[in-house]
Amino acid sequence: MTVGAKLELAALTVASALTAMLCCAFLMISWGPVPFPITAVVAGAANLGFLWLAGQYTSSGWRFAPIAAWAVVVIVAMIPGIGGNGAWIDGLPLILLFLLGLGAPSTIAARFTAG
């Protein structure tokens, strides 16, 4: 991998971490009285894009670095006491965020790497 490809992969990883912060920050958006976690869908689409772009630079395990950075940020957001008295995010929106943010890219990655 060239130095330019390594820098671009690092930029993708930072962008993925920033996307995770924004997804966590806006996860509790509600549409009237109904919680509407649209950022979970955005996280899934963004992570699919990050995974595809990272796969353009390398075929090694480093192509999963943006997804790993995203997961670390979301896990830190769920730890109580980091951002105040309680966890930053919790409950059903968190489950949806993990299912769509990690589930979709993991399923696609497993499908394309297996065959």
PDB file of N, CA and C in Angstrom:
ATOM      1  N   MET A   1       0.843  -1.170   0.000  1.00  0.00           N
ATOM      2  CA  MET A   1       0.000   0.000   0.000  1.00  0.00           C
ATOM      3  C   MET A   1       0.891   1.237   0.000  1.00  0.00           C
ATOM      4  N   THR A   2       0.565   2.189  -0.849  1.00  0.00           N
ATOM      5  CA  THR A   2       1.365   3.405  -0.937  1.00  0.00           C
ATOM      6  C   THR A   2       1.064   4.339   0.230  1.00  0.00           C
ATOM      7  N   VAL A   3       1.905   5.335   0.381  1.00  0.00           N
ATOM      8  CA  VAL A   3       1.723   6.299   1.459  1.00  0.00           C
ATOM      9  C   VAL A   3       0.415   7.072   1.252  1.00  0.00           C
ATOM     10  N   GLY A   4       0.120   7.411   0.005  1.00  0.00           N
ATOM     11  CA  GLY A   4      -1.124   8.117  -0.284  1.00  0.00           C
ATOM     12  C   GLY A   4      -2.347   7.298   0.087  1.00  0.00           C
ATOM     13  N   ALA A   5      -2.312   6.005  -0.213  1.00  0.00           N
ATOM     14  CA  ALA A   5      -3.429   5.129   0.135  1.00  0.00           C
ATOM     15  C   ALA A   5      -3.572   5.003   1.648  1.00  0.00           C
ATOM     16  N   LYS A   6      -2.454   4.967   2.359  1.00  0.00           N
ATOM     17  CA  LYS A   6      -2.516   4.903   3.824  1.00  0.00           C
ATOM     18  C   LYS A   6      -3.128   6.172   4.404  1.00  0.00           C
ATOM     19  N   LEU A   7      -2.757   7.326   3.836  1.00  0.00           N
ATOM     20  CA  LEU A   7      -3.320   8.590   4.311  1.00  0.00           C
ATOM     21  C   LEU A   7      -4.815   8.673   4.015  1.00  0.00           C
ATOM     22  N   GLU A   8      -5.217   8.198   2.857  1.00  0.00           N
ATOM     23  CA  GLU A   8      -6.637   8.224   2.521  1.00  0.00           C
ATOM     24  C   GLU A   8      -7.434   7.262   3.397  1.00  0.00           C
ATOM     25  N   LEU A   9      -6.847   6.126   3.720  1.00  0.00           N
ATOM     26  CA  LEU A   9      -7.510   5.194   4.638  1.00  0.00           C
ATOM     27  C   LEU A   9      -7.620   5.798   6.037  1.00  0.00           C
ATOM     28  N   ALA A  10      -6.586   6.517   6.461  1.00  0.00           N
ATOM     29  CA  ALA A  10      -6.645   7.199   7.757  1.00  0.00           C
ATOM     30  C   ALA A  10      -7.714   8.291   7.752  1.00  0.00           C
ATOM     31  N   ALA A  11      -7.841   9.012   6.646  1.00  0.00           N
ATOM     32  CA  ALA A  11      -8.873  10.040   6.539  1.00  0.00           C
ATOM     33  C   ALA A  11     -10.266   9.411   6.571  1.00  0.00           C
ATOM     34  N   LEU A  12     -10.436   8.258   5.933  1.00  0.00           N
ATOM     35  CA  LEU A  12     -11.717   7.543   5.997  1.00  0.00           C
ATOM     36  C   LEU A  12     -12.037   7.117   7.424  1.00  0.00           C
ATOM     37  N   THR A  13     -11.030   6.684   8.153  1.00  0.00           N
ATOM     38  CA  THR A  13     -11.228   6.253   9.531  1.00  0.00           C
ATOM     39  C   THR A  13     -11.648   7.424  10.414  1.00  0.00           C
ATOM     40  N   VAL A  14     -11.024   8.563  10.238  1.00  0.00           N
ATOM     41  CA  VAL A  14     -11.401   9.756  11.003  1.00  0.00           C
ATOM     42  C   VAL A  14     -12.814  10.203  10.618  1.00  0.00           C
ATOM     43  N   ALA A  15     -13.130  10.166   9.341  1.00  0.00           N
ATOM     44  CA  ALA A  15     -14.475  10.542   8.893  1.00  0.00           C
ATOM     45  C   ALA A  15     -15.527   9.602   9.471  1.00  0.00           C
ATOM     46  N   SER A  16     -15.201   8.332   9.574  1.00  0.00           N
ATOM     47  CA  SER A  16     -16.128   7.368  10.155  1.00  0.00           C
ATOM     48  C   SER A  16     -16.353   7.653  11.642  1.00  0.00           C
ATOM     49  N   ALA A  17     -15.297   8.003  12.348  1.00  0.00           N
ATOM     50  CA  ALA A  17     -15.440   8.343  13.766  1.00  0.00           C
ATOM     51  C   ALA A  17     -16.282   9.602  13.937  1.00  0.00           C
ATOM     52  N   LEU A  18     -16.093  10.584  13.078  1.00  0.00           N
ATOM     53  CA  LEU A  18     -16.915  11.798  13.150  1.00  0.00           C
ATOM     54  C   LEU A  18     -18.369  11.502  12.811  1.00  0.00           C
ATOM     55  N   THR A  19     -18.595  10.615  11.861  1.00  0.00           N
ATOM     56  CA  THR A  19     -19.956  10.209  11.526  1.00  0.00           C
ATOM     57  C   THR A  19     -20.617   9.531  12.714  1.00  0.00           C
ATOM     58  N   ALA A  20     -19.866   8.707  13.436  1.00  0.00           N
ATOM     59  CA  ALA A  20     -20.411   8.046  14.624  1.00  0.00           C
ATOM     60  C   ALA A  20     -20.796   9.070  15.687  1.00  0.00           C
ATOM     61  N   MET A  21     -19.979  10.093  15.870  1.00  0.00           N
ATOM     62  CA  MET A  21     -20.309  11.130  16.852  1.00  0.00           C
ATOM     63  C   MET A  21     -21.600  11.843  16.474  1.00  0.00           C
ATOM     64  N   LEU A  22     -21.742  12.165  15.199  1.00  0.00           N
ATOM     65  CA  LEU A  22     -22.964  12.842  14.759  1.00  0.00           C
ATOM     66  C   LEU A  22     -24.178  11.930  14.865  1.00  0.00           C
ATOM     67  N   CYS A  23     -24.010  10.662  14.534  1.00  0.00           N
ATOM     68  CA  CYS A  23     -25.126   9.714  14.645  1.00  0.00           C
ATOM     69  C   CYS A  23     -25.565   9.555  16.093  1.00  0.00           C
ATOM     70  N   CYS A  24     -24.613   9.505  17.008  1.00  0.00           N
ATOM     71  CA  CYS A  24     -24.958   9.387  18.427  1.00  0.00           C
ATOM     72  C   CYS A  24     -25.608  10.673  18.934  1.00  0.00           C
ATOM     73  N   ALA A  25     -25.132  11.810  18.467  1.00  0.00           N
ATOM     74  CA  ALA A  25     -25.665  13.082  18.940  1.00  0.00           C
ATOM     75  C   ALA A  25     -27.109  13.288  18.498  1.00  0.00           C
ATOM     76  N   PHE A  26     -27.441  12.850  17.305  1.00  0.00           N
ATOM     77  CA  PHE A  26     -28.779  13.077  16.772  1.00  0.00           C
ATOM     78  C   PHE A  26     -29.646  11.827  16.778  1.00  0.00           C
ATOM     79  N   LEU A  27     -29.257  10.817  17.527  1.00  0.00           N
ATOM     80  CA  LEU A  27     -29.999   9.561  17.547  1.00  0.00           C
ATOM     81  C   LEU A  27     -31.369   9.706  18.195  1.00  0.00           C
ATOM     82  N   MET A  28     -31.496  10.562  19.160  1.00  0.00           N
ATOM     83  CA  MET A  28     -32.746  10.673  19.911  1.00  0.00           C
ATOM     84  C   MET A  28     -33.722  11.685  19.305  1.00  0.00           C
ATOM     85  N   ILE A  29     -33.594  11.967  18.030  1.00  0.00           N
ATOM     86  CA  ILE A  29     -34.532  12.874  17.359  1.00  0.00           C
ATOM     87  C   ILE A  29     -35.907  12.230  17.368  1.00  0.00           C
ATOM     88  N   SER A  30     -36.929  13.038  17.609  1.00  0.00           N
ATOM     89  CA  SER A  30     -38.286  12.505  17.598  1.00  0.00           C
ATOM     90  C   SER A  30     -39.120  13.285  16.592  1.00  0.00           C
ATOM     91  N   TRP A  31     -40.088  12.594  16.040  1.00  0.00           N
ATOM     92  CA  TRP A  31     -41.019  13.197  15.105  1.00  0.00           C
ATOM     93  C   TRP A  31     -42.336  13.327  15.851  1.00  0.00           C
ATOM     94  N   GLY A  32     -42.527  14.470  16.451  1.00  0.00           N
ATOM     95  CA  GLY A  32     -43.655  14.648  17.357  1.00  0.00           C
ATOM     96  C   GLY A  32     -43.388  13.841  18.622  1.00  0.00           C
ATOM     97  N   PRO A  33     -44.355  13.040  19.074  1.00  0.00           N
ATOM     98  CA  PRO A  33     -44.141  12.235  20.277  1.00  0.00           C
ATOM     99  C   PRO A  33     -43.441  10.900  19.992  1.00  0.00           C
ATOM    100  N   VAL A  34     -43.217  10.588  18.712  1.00  0.00           N
ATOM    101  CA  VAL A  34     -42.659   9.289  18.329  1.00  0.00           C
ATOM    102  C   VAL A  34     -41.158   9.411  18.106  1.00  0.00           C
ATOM    103  N   PRO A  35     -40.337   8.580  18.769  1.00  0.00           N
ATOM    104  CA  PRO A  35     -38.900   8.583  18.493  1.00  0.00           C
ATOM    105  C   PRO A  35     -38.644   8.121  17.057  1.00  0.00           C
ATOM    106  N   PHE A  36     -37.765   8.810  16.375  1.00  0.00           N
ATOM    107  CA  PHE A  36     -37.518   8.546  14.966  1.00  0.00           C
ATOM    108  C   PHE A  36     -36.009   8.473  14.729  1.00  0.00           C
ATOM    109  N   PRO A  37     -35.380   7.319  14.987  1.00  0.00           N
ATOM    110  CA  PRO A  37     -33.907   7.224  14.889  1.00  0.00           C
ATOM    111  C   PRO A  37     -33.430   7.089  13.441  1.00  0.00           C
ATOM    112  N   ILE A  38     -33.593   8.149  12.658  1.00  0.00           N
ATOM    113  CA  ILE A  38     -33.181   8.137  11.257  1.00  0.00           C
ATOM    114  C   ILE A  38     -31.658   8.047  11.132  1.00  0.00           C
ATOM    115  N   THR A  39     -30.939   8.477  12.150  1.00  0.00           N
ATOM    116  CA  THR A  39     -29.487   8.421  12.056  1.00  0.00           C
ATOM    117  C   THR A  39     -28.978   6.983  12.074  1.00  0.00           C
ATOM    118  N   ALA A  40     -29.784   6.034  12.531  1.00  0.00           N
ATOM    119  CA  ALA A  40     -29.379   4.628  12.444  1.00  0.00           C
ATOM    120  C   ALA A  40     -29.319   4.193  10.981  1.00  0.00           C
ATOM    121  N   VAL A  41     -30.270   4.649  10.192  1.00  0.00           N
ATOM    122  CA  VAL A  41     -30.260   4.352   8.752  1.00  0.00           C
ATOM    123  C   VAL A  41     -29.088   5.063   8.081  1.00  0.00           C
ATOM    124  N   VAL A  42     -28.848   6.297   8.474  1.00  0.00           N
ATOM    125  CA  VAL A  42     -27.719   7.055   7.930  1.00  0.00           C
ATOM    126  C   VAL A  42     -26.405   6.363   8.280  1.00  0.00           C
ATOM    127  N   ALA A  43     -26.300   5.848   9.494  1.00  0.00           N
ATOM    128  CA  ALA A  43     -25.076   5.153   9.916  1.00  0.00           C
ATOM    129  C   ALA A  43     -24.840   3.900   9.071  1.00  0.00           C
ATOM    130  N   GLY A  44     -25.899   3.142   8.806  1.00  0.00           N
ATOM    131  CA  GLY A  44     -25.747   1.950   7.974  1.00  0.00           C
ATOM    132  C   GLY A  44     -25.284   2.290   6.573  1.00  0.00           C
ATOM    133  N   ALA A  45     -25.892   3.309   5.965  1.00  0.00           N
ATOM    134  CA  ALA A  45     -25.503   3.717   4.615  1.00  0.00           C
ATOM    135  C   ALA A  45     -24.081   4.282   4.588  1.00  0.00           C
ATOM    136  N   ALA A  46     -23.750   5.092   5.581  1.00  0.00           N
ATOM    137  CA  ALA A  46     -22.404   5.671   5.642  1.00  0.00           C
ATOM    138  C   ALA A  46     -21.345   4.587   5.833  1.00  0.00           C
ATOM    139  N   ASN A  47     -21.620   3.630   6.709  1.00  0.00           N
ATOM    140  CA  ASN A  47     -20.647   2.565   6.938  1.00  0.00           C
ATOM    141  C   ASN A  47     -20.483   1.671   5.721  1.00  0.00           C
ATOM    142  N   LEU A  48     -21.555   1.456   4.976  1.00  0.00           N
ATOM    143  CA  LEU A  48     -21.418   0.713   3.715  1.00  0.00           C
ATOM    144  C   LEU A  48     -20.510   1.464   2.755  1.00  0.00           C
ATOM    145  N   GLY A  49     -20.691   2.773   2.692  1.00  0.00           N
ATOM    146  CA  GLY A  49     -19.826   3.587   1.843  1.00  0.00           C
ATOM    147  C   GLY A  49     -18.381   3.581   2.306  1.00  0.00           C
ATOM    148  N   PHE A  50     -18.172   3.704   3.611  1.00  0.00           N
ATOM    149  CA  PHE A  50     -16.806   3.677   4.138  1.00  0.00           C
ATOM    150  C   PHE A  50     -16.138   2.329   3.873  1.00  0.00           C
ATOM    151  N   LEU A  51     -16.891   1.259   4.028  1.00  0.00           N
ATOM    152  CA  LEU A  51     -16.353  -0.073   3.779  1.00  0.00           C
ATOM    153  C   LEU A  51     -15.983  -0.247   2.308  1.00  0.00           C
ATOM    154  N   TRP A  52     -16.836   0.234   1.424  1.00  0.00           N
ATOM    155  CA  TRP A  52     -16.557   0.125  -0.006  1.00  0.00           C
ATOM    156  C   TRP A  52     -15.337   0.960  -0.381  1.00  0.00           C
ATOM    157  N   LEU A  53     -15.270   2.195   0.127  1.00  0.00           N
ATOM    158  CA  LEU A  53     -14.124   3.048  -0.188  1.00  0.00           C
ATOM    159  C   LEU A  53     -12.828   2.482   0.378  1.00  0.00           C
ATOM    160  N   ALA A  54     -12.863   1.971   1.592  1.00  0.00           N
ATOM    161  CA  ALA A  54     -11.660   1.386   2.184  1.00  0.00           C
ATOM    162  C   ALA A  54     -11.221   0.152   1.399  1.00  0.00           C
ATOM    163  N   GLY A  55     -12.182  -0.599   0.867  1.00  0.00           N
ATOM    164  CA  GLY A  55     -11.849  -1.759   0.050  1.00  0.00           C
ATOM    165  C   GLY A  55     -11.183  -1.392  -1.260  1.00  0.00           C
ATOM    166  N   GLN A  56     -11.345  -0.144  -1.699  1.00  0.00           N
ATOM    167  CA  GLN A  56     -10.680   0.323  -2.917  1.00  0.00           C
ATOM    168  C   GLN A  56      -9.186   0.551  -2.689  1.00  0.00           C
ATOM    169  N   TYR A  57      -8.796   0.778  -1.441  1.00  0.00           N
ATOM    170  CA  TYR A  57      -7.401   1.069  -1.133  1.00  0.00           C
ATOM    171  C   TYR A  57      -6.617  -0.161  -0.699  1.00  0.00           C
ATOM    172  N   THR A  58      -7.260  -1.107  -0.055  1.00  0.00           N
ATOM    173  CA  THR A  58      -6.559  -2.291   0.426  1.00  0.00           C
ATOM    174  C   THR A  58      -7.511  -3.478   0.494  1.00  0.00           C
ATOM    175  N   SER A  59      -6.944  -4.653   0.352  1.00  0.00           N
ATOM    176  CA  SER A  59      -7.742  -5.868   0.520  1.00  0.00           C
ATOM    177  C   SER A  59      -7.379  -6.581   1.818  1.00  0.00           C
ATOM    178  N   SER A  60      -6.514  -5.960   2.608  1.00  0.00           N
ATOM    179  CA  SER A  60      -6.136  -6.554   3.889  1.00  0.00           C
ATOM    180  C   SER A  60      -7.196  -6.238   4.946  1.00  0.00           C
ATOM    181  N   GLY A  61      -6.933  -6.650   6.143  1.00  0.00           N
ATOM    182  CA  GLY A  61      -7.859  -6.413   7.240  1.00  0.00           C
ATOM    183  C   GLY A  61      -7.998  -4.941   7.606  1.00  0.00           C
ATOM    184  N   TRP A  62      -7.095  -4.097   7.128  1.00  0.00           N
ATOM    185  CA  TRP A  62      -7.172  -2.667   7.416  1.00  0.00           C
ATOM    186  C   TRP A  62      -8.375  -2.013   6.770  1.00  0.00           C
ATOM    187  N   ARG A  63      -9.024  -2.699   5.836  1.00  0.00           N
ATOM    188  CA  ARG A  63     -10.210  -2.110   5.207  1.00  0.00           C
ATOM    189  C   ARG A  63     -11.366  -1.995   6.204  1.00  0.00           C
ATOM    190  N   PHE A  64     -11.279  -2.693   7.322  1.00  0.00           N
ATOM    191  CA  PHE A  64     -12.310  -2.616   8.354  1.00  0.00           C
ATOM    192  C   PHE A  64     -12.013  -1.557   9.410  1.00  0.00           C
ATOM    193  N   ALA A  65     -10.936  -0.793   9.250  1.00  0.00           N
ATOM    194  CA  ALA A  65     -10.572   0.239  10.227  1.00  0.00           C
ATOM    195  C   ALA A  65     -11.663   1.307  10.393  1.00  0.00           C
ATOM    196  N   PRO A  66     -12.306   1.791   9.320  1.00  0.00           N
ATOM    197  CA  PRO A  66     -13.377   2.777   9.544  1.00  0.00           C
ATOM    198  C   PRO A  66     -14.550   2.216  10.339  1.00  0.00           C
ATOM    199  N   ILE A  67     -14.904   0.960  10.105  1.00  0.00           N
ATOM    200  CA  ILE A  67     -16.006   0.350  10.833  1.00  0.00           C
ATOM    201  C   ILE A  67     -15.614   0.160  12.304  1.00  0.00           C
ATOM    202  N   ALA A  68     -14.371  -0.217  12.545  1.00  0.00           N
ATOM    203  CA  ALA A  68     -13.898  -0.390  13.923  1.00  0.00           C
ATOM    204  C   ALA A  68     -13.884   0.943  14.666  1.00  0.00           C
ATOM    205  N   ALA A  69     -13.461   2.002  13.991  1.00  0.00           N
ATOM    206  CA  ALA A  69     -13.455   3.326  14.625  1.00  0.00           C
ATOM    207  C   ALA A  69     -14.876   3.767  14.954  1.00  0.00           C
ATOM    208  N   TRP A  70     -15.800   3.491  14.055  1.00  0.00           N
ATOM    209  CA  TRP A  70     -17.206   3.825  14.287  1.00  0.00           C
ATOM    210  C   TRP A  70     -17.728   3.081  15.523  1.00  0.00           C
ATOM    211  N   ALA A  71     -17.422   1.794  15.610  1.00  0.00           N
ATOM    212  CA  ALA A  71     -17.889   0.981  16.733  1.00  0.00           C
ATOM    213  C   ALA A  71     -17.288   1.459  18.054  1.00  0.00           C
ATOM    214  N   VAL A  72     -16.029   1.839  18.056  1.00  0.00           N
ATOM    215  CA  VAL A  72     -15.392   2.314  19.289  1.00  0.00           C
ATOM    216  C   VAL A  72     -16.071   3.591  19.783  1.00  0.00           C
ATOM    217  N   VAL A  73     -16.372   4.507  18.869  1.00  0.00           N
ATOM    218  CA  VAL A  73     -17.026   5.752  19.274  1.00  0.00           C
ATOM    219  C   VAL A  73     -18.411   5.471  19.842  1.00  0.00           C
ATOM    220  N   VAL A  74     -19.167   4.578  19.223  1.00  0.00           N
ATOM    221  CA  VAL A  74     -20.515   4.266  19.717  1.00  0.00           C
ATOM    222  C   VAL A  74     -20.441   3.561  21.073  1.00  0.00           C
ATOM    223  N   ILE A  75     -19.479   2.684  21.249  1.00  0.00           N
ATOM    224  CA  ILE A  75     -19.329   1.987  22.541  1.00  0.00           C
ATOM    225  C   ILE A  75     -18.957   2.978  23.639  1.00  0.00           C
ATOM    226  N   VAL A  76     -18.086   3.924  23.331  1.00  0.00           N
ATOM    227  CA  VAL A  76     -17.723   4.933  24.325  1.00  0.00           C
ATOM    228  C   VAL A  76     -18.933   5.797  24.661  1.00  0.00           C
ATOM    229  N   ALA A  77     -19.800   6.050  23.680  1.00  0.00           N
ATOM    230  CA  ALA A  77     -20.996   6.868  23.932  1.00  0.00           C
ATOM    231  C   ALA A  77     -21.983   6.164  24.851  1.00  0.00           C
ATOM    232  N   MET A  78     -21.929   4.832  24.929  1.00  0.00           N
ATOM    233  CA  MET A  78     -22.864   4.127  25.800  1.00  0.00           C
ATOM    234  C   MET A  78     -22.336   3.939  27.216  1.00  0.00           C
ATOM    235  N   ILE A  79     -21.101   4.256  27.482  1.00  0.00           N
ATOM    236  CA  ILE A  79     -20.530   4.077  28.821  1.00  0.00           C
ATOM    237  C   ILE A  79     -21.046   5.183  29.742  1.00  0.00           C
ATOM    238  N   PRO A  80     -21.646   4.824  30.864  1.00  0.00           N
ATOM    239  CA  PRO A  80     -22.140   5.864  31.787  1.00  0.00           C
ATOM    240  C   PRO A  80     -20.982   6.650  32.400  1.00  0.00           C
ATOM    241  N   GLY A  81     -21.210   7.930  32.594  1.00  0.00           N
ATOM    242  CA  GLY A  81     -20.228   8.766  33.251  1.00  0.00           C
ATOM    243  C   GLY A  81     -19.280   9.479  32.328  1.00  0.00           C
ATOM    244  N   ILE A  82     -19.228   9.121  31.046  1.00  0.00           N
ATOM    245  CA  ILE A  82     -18.297   9.789  30.133  1.00  0.00           C
ATOM    246  C   ILE A  82     -18.795  11.196  29.792  1.00  0.00           C
ATOM    247  N   GLY A  83     -20.061  11.322  29.430  1.00  0.00           N
ATOM    248  CA  GLY A  83     -20.578  12.617  29.011  1.00  0.00           C
ATOM    249  C   GLY A  83     -21.442  13.288  30.059  1.00  0.00           C
ATOM    250  N   GLY A  84     -21.410  12.864  31.269  1.00  0.00           N
ATOM    251  CA  GLY A  84     -22.242  13.459  32.314  1.00  0.00           C
ATOM    252  C   GLY A  84     -22.628  12.403  33.320  1.00  0.00           C
ATOM    253  N   ASN A  85     -23.867  12.433  33.773  1.00  0.00           N
ATOM    254  CA  ASN A  85     -24.319  11.504  34.798  1.00  0.00           C
ATOM    255  C   ASN A  85     -24.638  10.121  34.260  1.00  0.00           C
ATOM    256  N   GLY A  86     -25.223  10.048  33.072  1.00  0.00           N
ATOM    257  CA  GLY A  86     -25.628   8.758  32.537  1.00  0.00           C
ATOM    258  C   GLY A  86     -25.014   8.512  31.175  1.00  0.00           C
ATOM    259  N   ALA A  87     -25.433   7.424  30.568  1.00  0.00           N
ATOM    260  CA  ALA A  87     -24.946   7.098  29.236  1.00  0.00           C
ATOM    261  C   ALA A  87     -25.498   8.107  28.238  1.00  0.00           C
ATOM    262  N   TRP A  88     -24.727   8.388  27.216  1.00  0.00           N
ATOM    263  CA  TRP A  88     -25.139   9.331  26.199  1.00  0.00           C
ATOM    264  C   TRP A  88     -26.322   8.774  25.417  1.00  0.00           C
ATOM    265  N   ILE A  89     -26.251   7.487  25.047  1.00  0.00           N
ATOM    266  CA  ILE A  89     -27.349   6.834  24.333  1.00  0.00           C
ATOM    267  C   ILE A  89     -27.641   5.492  24.984  1.00  0.00           C
ATOM    268  N   ASP A  90     -28.888   5.060  24.901  1.00  0.00           N
ATOM    269  CA  ASP A  90     -29.267   3.748  25.417  1.00  0.00           C
ATOM    270  C   ASP A  90     -30.631   3.378  24.851  1.00  0.00           C
ATOM    271  N   GLY A  91     -31.066   2.165  25.130  1.00  0.00           N
ATOM    272  CA  GLY A  91     -32.397   1.718  24.748  1.00  0.00           C
ATOM    273  C   GLY A  91     -32.506   1.217  23.321  1.00  0.00           C
ATOM    274  N   LEU A  92     -33.739   1.229  22.814  1.00  0.00           N
ATOM    275  CA  LEU A  92     -34.039   0.728  21.478  1.00  0.00           C
ATOM    276  C   LEU A  92     -33.297   1.479  20.373  1.00  0.00           C
ATOM    277  N   PRO A  93     -33.162   2.810  20.441  1.00  0.00           N
ATOM    278  CA  PRO A  93     -32.390   3.482  19.392  1.00  0.00           C
ATOM    279  C   PRO A  93     -30.942   2.986  19.305  1.00  0.00           C
ATOM    280  N   LEU A  94     -30.359   2.649  20.448  1.00  0.00           N
ATOM    281  CA  LEU A  94     -28.999   2.113  20.438  1.00  0.00           C
ATOM    282  C   LEU A  94     -28.948   0.766  19.739  1.00  0.00           C
ATOM    283  N   ILE A  95     -29.938  -0.083  19.995  1.00  0.00           N
ATOM    284  CA  ILE A  95     -29.989  -1.391  19.335  1.00  0.00           C
ATOM    285  C   ILE A  95     -30.134  -1.214  17.834  1.00  0.00           C
ATOM    286  N   LEU A  96     -31.007  -0.293  17.412  1.00  0.00           N
ATOM    287  CA  LEU A  96     -31.160  -0.028  15.982  1.00  0.00           C
ATOM    288  C   LEU A  96     -29.880   0.525  15.370  1.00  0.00           C
ATOM    289  N   LEU A  97     -29.195   1.383  16.109  1.00  0.00           N
ATOM    290  CA  LEU A  97     -27.942   1.943  15.618  1.00  0.00           C
ATOM    291  C   LEU A  97     -26.915   0.844  15.392  1.00  0.00           C
ATOM    292  N   PHE A  98     -26.806  -0.081  16.339  1.00  0.00           N
ATOM    293  CA  PHE A  98     -25.862  -1.189  16.166  1.00  0.00           C
ATOM    294  C   PHE A  98     -26.285  -2.135  15.050  1.00  0.00           C
ATOM    295  N   LEU A  99     -27.577  -2.457  14.982  1.00  0.00           N
ATOM    296  CA  LEU A  99     -28.039  -3.380  13.944  1.00  0.00           C
ATOM    297  C   LEU A  99     -27.812  -2.822  12.544  1.00  0.00           C
ATOM    298  N   LEU A 100     -28.151  -1.573  12.349  1.00  0.00           N
ATOM    299  CA  LEU A 100     -28.001  -0.994  11.017  1.00  0.00           C
ATOM    300  C   LEU A 100     -26.585  -0.495  10.758  1.00  0.00           C
ATOM    301  N   GLY A 101     -25.938   0.026  11.786  1.00  0.00           N
ATOM    302  CA  GLY A 101     -24.593   0.570  11.605  1.00  0.00           C
ATOM    303  C   GLY A 101     -23.518  -0.476  11.457  1.00  0.00           C
ATOM    304  N   LEU A 102     -23.673  -1.597  12.146  1.00  0.00           N
ATOM    305  CA  LEU A 102     -22.682  -2.678  12.043  1.00  0.00           C
ATOM    306  C   LEU A 102     -23.208  -3.905  11.314  1.00  0.00           C
ATOM    307  N   GLY A 103     -24.501  -4.159  11.432  1.00  0.00           N
ATOM    308  CA  GLY A 103     -25.077  -5.358  10.837  1.00  0.00           C
ATOM    309  C   GLY A 103     -25.034  -5.357   9.325  1.00  0.00           C
ATOM    310  N   ALA A 104     -25.471  -4.261   8.728  1.00  0.00           N
ATOM    311  CA  ALA A 104     -25.497  -4.189   7.264  1.00  0.00           C
ATOM    312  C   ALA A 104     -24.094  -4.272   6.655  1.00  0.00           C
ATOM    313  N   PRO A 105     -23.132  -3.481   7.115  1.00  0.00           N
ATOM    314  CA  PRO A 105     -21.789  -3.603   6.534  1.00  0.00           C
ATOM    315  C   PRO A 105     -21.142  -4.965   6.801  1.00  0.00           C
ATOM    316  N   SER A 106     -21.398  -5.546   7.972  1.00  0.00           N
ATOM    317  CA  SER A 106     -20.816  -6.863   8.273  1.00  0.00           C
ATOM    318  C   SER A 106     -21.402  -7.936   7.370  1.00  0.00           C
ATOM    319  N   THR A 107     -22.697  -7.868   7.121  1.00  0.00           N
ATOM    320  CA  THR A 107     -23.333  -8.843   6.238  1.00  0.00           C
ATOM    321  C   THR A 107     -22.800  -8.718   4.819  1.00  0.00           C
ATOM    322  N   ILE A 108     -22.696  -7.512   4.325  1.00  0.00           N
ATOM    323  CA  ILE A 108     -22.182  -7.293   2.970  1.00  0.00           C
ATOM    324  C   ILE A 108     -20.719  -7.718   2.884  1.00  0.00           C
ATOM    325  N   ALA A 109     -19.926  -7.383   3.888  1.00  0.00           N
ATOM    326  CA  ALA A 109     -18.504  -7.761   3.875  1.00  0.00           C
ATOM    327  C   ALA A 109     -18.332  -9.265   3.901  1.00  0.00           C
ATOM    328  N   ALA A 110     -19.130  -9.943   4.709  1.00  0.00           N
ATOM    329  CA  ALA A 110     -19.037 -11.410   4.777  1.00  0.00           C
ATOM    330  C   ALA A 110     -19.464 -12.048   3.458  1.00  0.00           C
ATOM    331  N   ARG A 111     -20.440 -11.459   2.829  1.00  0.00           N
ATOM    332  CA  ARG A 111     -20.910 -12.010   1.562  1.00  0.00           C
ATOM    333  C   ARG A 111     -19.876 -11.884   0.464  1.00  0.00           C
ATOM    334  N   PHE A 112     -19.195 -10.718   0.393  1.00  0.00           N
ATOM    335  CA  PHE A 112     -18.237 -10.503  -0.681  1.00  0.00           C
ATOM    336  C   PHE A 112     -16.871 -11.121  -0.400  1.00  0.00           C
ATOM    337  N   THR A 113     -16.510 -11.302   0.859  1.00  0.00           N
ATOM    338  CA  THR A 113     -15.218 -11.913   1.143  1.00  0.00           C
ATOM    339  C   THR A 113     -15.298 -13.448   1.098  1.00  0.00           C
ATOM    340  N   ALA A 114     -16.485 -13.990   1.272  1.00  0.00           N
ATOM    341  CA  ALA A 114     -16.634 -15.452   1.248  1.00  0.00           C
ATOM    342  C   ALA A 114     -16.590 -16.001  -0.177  1.00  0.00           C
ATOM    343  N   GLY A 115     -17.060 -15.232  -1.121  1.00  0.00           N
ATOM    344  CA  GLY A 115     -17.151 -15.755  -2.479  1.00  0.00           C
ATOM    345  C   GLY A 115     -16.436 -14.949  -3.431  1.00  0.00           C
TER     346      GLY A 115
END
